[in-house]
Amino acid sequence: MTEHLVGRGPQCALKLTAPYVSTQHALIRWDGYAWELLDRGSRNGTHLNGAAAEPGRAYRLTKDAVITFGHSDERWTLTDAGEPETMAVALDTGQALRGTDGWIALPSSKSPEATLFLSPDGAWKLERPDGEVEPVVDGQIIDCAGRQFRFCGPASTSATETLSLSSGGTEPGLSFVVSSDEDFVELSIEHGERRVALGSRSHNYLLLTLARQMLNDRAASLPEGSCGWMDKEELADGLQMTPQQVDGEVFRIRKHFTQYGLSESTTVIERRPRTKQIRLGIAKLRIDRR
């Protein structure tokens, strides 16, 4: 979070129970360049490196700064003055799930039910289990899998740099090279003469299955908007995995695209809202046998 209220009040990020601490004692916030401290007119005052802080005045904080709230016996040291990170914090355990690569799986990357992701426009969004996508704001509480997570997304955090292959009015395409026994599926994404090889990964077979469904539906002359959709449970049965494992594979596919700097990471898999259906979000497809 970019603001941390300190005090005894229930709304405080840092709750201190000592009677010499005011309900809203002080504020620590990120100003876009550094952390700063403001006393909120507390009864017993705030001290920074031994000096009293004037109420309402902002004081720049540096690494190893020592802060006291109301009494000198309890001291707090700023051990990291770096820029705040984007993360989701579990309210029950305090565990921080960091989003440095532009993706956060809730409740975990092993069993993702909802996904926070950095969209190409630089905004963080939440994809819920029913496929609905909505923007999220710093401090928002998210309910997932019977637990609550606080999203901490500083507006000053730089968006992940991406390489978009869909510029210039033409669409990117996925190219699959499949071994004769289908044990290996190599994947690449192409745009004109530009090509990014994504290698052979186990989750490529899920993409291949979705690609085949898309091509089969087109061959059956279905409307383009109806092509490629597969029920997640039926897809899981065909791949001999659980629906939860399918969600895990989707999360890993998206992260894999992000690691190559591809903005298509957010669109490579589409979910149909309020259903359990998914499909490929890239329509141009090619499948070759080795």
Protein backbone atom coordinates (compact mmCIF):
# COMPACT_ATOMS: atom_id res chain seq x y z
CA MET A 1 0.00 0.00 0.00
CA THR A 2 1.11 3.57 -0.56
CA GLU A 3 -0.35 4.83 2.73
CA HIS A 4 -0.03 3.26 6.17
CA LEU A 5 -2.03 4.81 9.00
CA VAL A 6 -0.51 4.16 12.43
CA GLY A 7 -2.58 4.15 15.62
CA ARG A 8 -5.06 2.31 17.80
CA GLY A 9 -8.02 2.71 15.43
CA PRO A 10 -9.51 -0.26 13.54
CA GLN A 11 -8.72 1.38 10.19
CA CYS A 12 -4.97 1.53 10.90
CA ALA A 13 -2.57 -0.60 8.85
CA LEU A 14 -0.16 -0.65 11.80
CA LYS A 15 -2.27 -1.14 14.92
CA LEU A 16 -0.62 -0.29 18.24
CA THR A 17 -2.53 -0.96 21.46
CA ALA A 18 -0.47 1.08 23.94
CA PRO A 19 -2.52 3.82 25.70
CA TYR A 20 0.02 6.51 24.78
CA VAL A 21 -0.72 5.96 21.06
CA SER A 22 -3.56 8.02 19.56
CA THR A 23 -6.41 6.52 17.53
CA GLN A 24 -4.93 8.00 14.34
CA HIS A 25 -1.41 8.76 15.48
CA ALA A 26 0.69 9.18 12.31
CA LEU A 27 0.77 8.49 8.60
CA ILE A 28 3.56 6.90 6.57
CA ARG A 29 3.04 7.34 2.83
CA TRP A 30 4.78 7.06 -0.53
CA ASP A 31 4.87 10.38 -2.41
CA GLY A 32 5.96 8.86 -5.72
CA TYR A 33 9.66 9.30 -5.00
CA ALA A 34 10.23 8.38 -1.34
CA TRP A 35 8.49 7.48 1.90
CA GLU A 36 7.47 10.30 4.24
CA LEU A 37 6.14 10.61 7.78
CA LEU A 38 3.37 12.88 9.05
CA ASP A 39 2.19 13.20 12.65
CA ARG A 40 -1.64 13.40 12.71
CA GLY A 41 -1.78 15.74 15.70
CA SER A 42 -1.25 12.91 18.17
CA ARG A 43 -1.57 13.50 21.89
CA ASN A 44 1.94 12.32 22.80
CA GLY A 45 3.72 13.17 19.58
CA THR A 46 5.87 11.36 17.00
CA HIS A 47 9.68 11.42 16.91
CA LEU A 48 11.95 10.83 13.94
CA ASN A 49 15.59 10.03 14.75
CA GLY A 50 15.09 11.50 18.20
CA ALA A 51 13.57 14.81 17.06
CA ALA A 52 9.90 15.73 17.53
CA ALA A 53 7.86 15.81 14.32
CA GLU A 54 5.72 18.90 13.80
CA PRO A 55 2.07 17.84 13.36
CA GLY A 56 0.94 17.92 9.74
CA ARG A 57 4.42 18.41 8.30
CA ALA A 58 5.87 15.78 5.95
CA TYR A 59 9.32 14.41 6.79
CA ARG A 60 11.32 12.42 4.25
CA LEU A 61 12.25 8.92 5.46
CA THR A 62 15.50 7.18 4.60
CA LYS A 63 16.79 3.68 5.27
CA ASP A 64 17.49 2.99 8.98
CA ALA A 65 15.34 5.94 10.11
CA VAL A 66 14.14 5.44 13.72
CA ILE A 67 10.53 6.37 14.57
CA THR A 68 8.70 6.43 17.91
CA PHE A 69 4.97 6.88 18.40
CA GLY A 70 4.07 8.50 21.72
CA HIS A 71 6.86 6.96 23.83
CA SER A 72 10.58 6.49 23.30
CA ASP A 73 10.62 2.97 24.75
CA GLU A 74 9.10 1.46 21.58
CA ARG A 75 11.18 2.18 18.50
CA TRP A 76 10.57 1.28 14.88
CA THR A 77 13.34 1.17 12.26
CA LEU A 78 12.76 1.57 8.52
CA THR A 79 14.83 -1.28 7.10
CA ASP A 80 13.76 -0.89 3.46
CA ALA A 81 13.07 2.49 1.87
CA GLY A 82 12.48 1.10 -1.62
CA GLU A 83 9.46 1.72 -3.83
CA PRO A 84 6.34 -0.20 -2.71
CA GLU A 85 5.68 -3.46 -4.53
CA THR A 86 2.42 -4.64 -6.02
CA MET A 87 1.14 -7.57 -3.98
CA ALA A 88 -1.87 -9.27 -2.48
CA VAL A 89 -1.65 -9.81 1.28
CA ALA A 90 -3.60 -12.62 2.93
CA LEU A 91 -5.45 -11.11 5.89
CA ASP A 92 -5.47 -14.39 7.82
CA THR A 93 -1.74 -15.18 7.62
CA GLY A 94 -0.08 -11.96 6.49
CA GLN A 95 1.54 -13.80 3.55
CA ALA A 96 2.46 -11.43 0.70
CA LEU A 97 1.90 -12.70 -2.84
CA ARG A 98 4.07 -10.47 -5.03
CA GLY A 99 3.21 -9.42 -8.55
CA THR A 100 6.59 -8.41 -9.90
CA ASP A 101 6.00 -10.33 -13.15
CA GLY A 102 2.53 -8.85 -13.69
CA TRP A 103 0.53 -11.83 -12.36
CA ILE A 104 -0.81 -12.87 -8.93
CA ALA A 105 -2.77 -16.09 -8.44
CA LEU A 106 -5.30 -16.32 -5.60
CA PRO A 107 -5.26 -18.11 -3.25
CA SER A 108 -1.95 -19.49 -4.61
CA SER A 109 -0.12 -20.22 -7.86
CA LYS A 110 -0.57 -23.95 -7.22
CA SER A 111 -4.36 -23.66 -6.92
CA PRO A 112 -5.42 -20.48 -8.71
CA GLU A 113 -9.12 -19.63 -8.55
CA ALA A 114 -8.86 -15.92 -9.29
CA THR A 115 -6.10 -13.99 -11.03
CA LEU A 116 -4.79 -10.45 -10.65
CA PHE A 117 -2.96 -9.23 -13.74
CA LEU A 118 -1.35 -6.11 -15.14
CA SER A 119 -3.21 -5.23 -18.33
CA PRO A 120 -1.52 -3.58 -21.34
CA ASP A 121 -3.00 -0.20 -20.36
CA GLY A 122 -1.00 -0.29 -17.10
CA ALA A 123 -3.99 -0.98 -14.82
CA TRP A 124 -4.28 -4.00 -12.52
CA LYS A 125 -7.40 -6.10 -13.01
CA LEU A 126 -9.04 -9.07 -11.35
CA GLU A 127 -10.31 -12.08 -13.26
CA ARG A 128 -12.81 -13.84 -11.01
CA PRO A 129 -13.54 -17.59 -11.09
CA ASP A 130 -16.68 -16.98 -13.20
CA GLY A 131 -14.61 -15.21 -15.88
CA GLU A 132 -15.68 -11.68 -15.01
CA VAL A 133 -12.88 -9.10 -15.24
CA GLU A 134 -12.88 -5.87 -13.26
CA PRO A 135 -10.36 -3.18 -12.29
CA VAL A 136 -8.92 -3.20 -8.77
CA VAL A 137 -7.65 -0.33 -6.64
CA ASP A 138 -5.03 -0.03 -3.94
CA GLY A 139 -6.35 -1.33 -0.61
CA GLN A 140 -9.27 -3.29 -2.10
CA ILE A 141 -10.30 -6.43 -0.20
CA ILE A 142 -10.78 -9.48 -2.42
CA ASP A 143 -12.70 -12.58 -1.31
CA CYS A 144 -11.38 -15.81 -2.78
CA ALA A 145 -11.64 -19.46 -1.73
CA GLY A 146 -13.12 -18.51 1.64
CA ARG A 147 -10.23 -16.15 2.42
CA GLN A 148 -9.63 -12.43 2.13
CA PHE A 149 -6.72 -10.66 0.44
CA ARG A 150 -5.83 -6.98 0.43
CA PHE A 151 -4.58 -5.74 -2.94
CA CYS A 152 -1.65 -3.35 -2.62
CA GLY A 153 -1.05 -1.70 -5.98
CA PRO A 154 0.90 1.57 -5.90
CA ALA A 155 -0.04 3.74 -8.84
CA SER A 156 3.60 4.74 -9.25
CA THR A 157 4.76 1.20 -9.98
CA SER A 158 6.02 0.96 -13.55
CA ALA A 159 4.13 -1.33 -15.90
CA THR A 160 5.97 -4.37 -17.17
CA GLU A 161 7.51 -3.65 -20.54
CA THR A 162 5.90 -5.75 -23.24
CA LEU A 163 6.54 -6.57 -26.85
CA SER A 164 3.26 -6.41 -28.74
CA LEU A 165 3.20 -8.43 -31.91
CA SER A 166 -0.24 -7.15 -32.89
CA SER A 167 0.74 -3.68 -34.05
CA GLY A 168 0.33 -2.40 -37.56
CA GLY A 169 -3.24 -3.61 -38.03
CA THR A 170 -2.38 -7.31 -38.47
CA GLU A 171 -2.97 -10.02 -35.93
CA PRO A 172 -0.42 -12.34 -34.35
CA GLY A 173 -0.51 -16.08 -34.95
CA LEU A 174 0.34 -19.16 -32.93
CA SER A 175 2.39 -21.87 -34.62
CA PHE A 176 2.59 -25.41 -33.21
CA VAL A 177 5.09 -28.10 -34.18
CA VAL A 178 3.93 -31.45 -32.80
CA SER A 179 6.04 -34.61 -32.61
CA SER A 180 4.61 -37.80 -34.16
CA ASP A 181 3.89 -39.28 -30.72
CA GLU A 182 2.62 -35.90 -29.43
CA ASP A 183 5.02 -36.03 -26.51
CA PHE A 184 6.54 -32.71 -27.55
CA VAL A 185 4.73 -29.57 -28.64
CA GLU A 186 6.87 -26.61 -29.66
CA LEU A 187 5.20 -23.22 -29.73
CA SER A 188 6.01 -19.91 -31.36
CA ILE A 189 4.14 -16.66 -31.88
CA GLU A 190 4.50 -14.90 -35.19
CA HIS A 191 3.66 -11.53 -36.69
CA GLY A 192 4.66 -11.05 -40.29
CA GLU A 193 8.37 -11.79 -40.44
CA ARG A 194 8.80 -11.48 -36.66
CA ARG A 195 8.83 -14.70 -34.68
CA VAL A 196 9.30 -15.46 -30.98
CA ALA A 197 10.08 -19.10 -30.16
CA LEU A 198 8.43 -20.11 -26.88
CA GLY A 199 9.95 -23.58 -26.69
CA SER A 200 8.41 -26.86 -25.60
CA ARG A 201 6.46 -26.80 -22.33
CA SER A 202 3.99 -29.25 -20.83
CA HIS A 203 1.25 -26.62 -20.86
CA ASN A 204 1.63 -26.25 -24.65
CA TYR A 205 -0.55 -29.34 -25.05
CA LEU A 206 -3.49 -27.50 -23.46
CA LEU A 207 -2.99 -24.71 -26.01
CA LEU A 208 -2.78 -27.29 -28.79
CA THR A 209 -6.08 -28.85 -27.64
CA LEU A 210 -7.78 -25.46 -27.70
CA ALA A 211 -6.27 -24.71 -31.11
CA ARG A 212 -7.64 -27.97 -32.53
CA GLN A 213 -11.08 -27.17 -31.13
CA MET A 214 -10.97 -23.76 -32.80
CA LEU A 215 -9.98 -25.25 -36.16
CA ASN A 216 -12.57 -28.05 -35.95
CA ASP A 217 -15.36 -25.56 -35.21
CA ARG A 218 -14.31 -23.45 -38.17
CA ALA A 219 -14.30 -26.53 -40.39
CA ALA A 220 -17.88 -27.14 -39.23
CA SER A 221 -18.75 -23.56 -40.36
CA LEU A 222 -19.69 -22.32 -36.90
CA PRO A 223 -19.83 -18.54 -36.45
CA GLU A 224 -16.40 -17.20 -35.46
CA GLY A 225 -17.71 -15.96 -32.12
CA SER A 226 -18.82 -19.50 -31.28
CA CYS A 227 -15.61 -21.23 -32.37
CA GLY A 228 -13.13 -22.74 -29.98
CA TRP A 229 -15.07 -22.72 -26.73
CA MET A 230 -14.53 -25.75 -24.49
CA ASP A 231 -16.09 -26.61 -21.16
CA LYS A 232 -13.33 -26.60 -18.56
CA GLU A 233 -14.45 -29.86 -16.96
CA GLU A 234 -14.63 -31.65 -20.31
CA LEU A 235 -11.23 -30.22 -21.24
CA ALA A 236 -9.83 -31.46 -17.93
CA ASP A 237 -11.23 -34.97 -18.55
CA GLY A 238 -9.66 -35.07 -21.99
CA LEU A 239 -6.28 -34.01 -20.61
CA GLN A 240 -6.57 -36.38 -17.63
CA MET A 241 -6.37 -33.63 -15.06
CA THR A 242 -8.70 -31.77 -12.70
CA PRO A 243 -10.40 -28.44 -13.50
CA GLN A 244 -8.18 -26.88 -10.84
CA GLN A 245 -5.11 -28.16 -12.68
CA VAL A 246 -6.46 -26.60 -15.88
CA ASP A 247 -6.62 -23.26 -14.06
CA GLY A 248 -3.04 -23.79 -12.94
CA GLU A 249 -1.92 -24.50 -16.52
CA VAL A 250 -3.70 -21.35 -17.75
CA PHE A 251 -1.88 -19.31 -15.13
CA ARG A 252 1.48 -20.79 -16.15
CA ILE A 253 0.76 -20.15 -19.85
CA ARG A 254 0.07 -16.50 -19.14
CA LYS A 255 3.21 -16.14 -17.03
CA HIS A 256 5.24 -17.85 -19.75
CA PHE A 257 4.07 -15.27 -22.31
CA THR A 258 4.85 -12.47 -19.86
CA GLN A 259 8.39 -13.76 -19.37
CA TYR A 260 8.93 -13.28 -23.10
CA GLY A 261 7.59 -9.73 -22.89
CA LEU A 262 4.44 -10.50 -24.91
CA SER A 263 1.40 -8.32 -24.35
CA GLU A 264 -0.68 -11.26 -25.65
CA SER A 265 -0.22 -12.83 -22.22
CA THR A 266 -3.52 -11.27 -21.14
CA THR A 267 -5.45 -12.44 -24.21
CA VAL A 268 -3.93 -15.81 -25.13
CA ILE A 269 -6.69 -17.53 -23.10
CA GLU A 270 -10.25 -16.18 -23.00
CA ARG A 271 -12.90 -17.09 -20.45
CA ARG A 272 -16.59 -16.77 -21.26
CA PRO A 273 -18.13 -14.80 -18.35
CA ARG A 274 -20.46 -16.67 -15.98
CA THR A 275 -19.62 -20.02 -17.60
CA LYS A 276 -16.87 -22.61 -17.26
CA GLN A 277 -15.85 -22.23 -20.89
CA ILE A 278 -12.44 -21.16 -22.18
CA ARG A 279 -10.84 -20.80 -25.59
CA LEU A 280 -7.77 -19.48 -27.35
CA GLY A 281 -7.73 -15.72 -27.63
CA ILE A 282 -5.46 -15.77 -30.69
CA ALA A 283 -7.38 -16.74 -33.81
CA LYS A 284 -4.59 -17.20 -36.37
CA LEU A 285 -3.34 -20.78 -35.95
CA ARG A 286 -1.01 -23.24 -37.64
CA ILE A 287 -0.28 -26.84 -36.64
CA ASP A 288 2.57 -28.81 -38.23
CA ARG A 289 3.80 -32.37 -37.66
CA ARG A 290 7.47 -33.12 -37.18
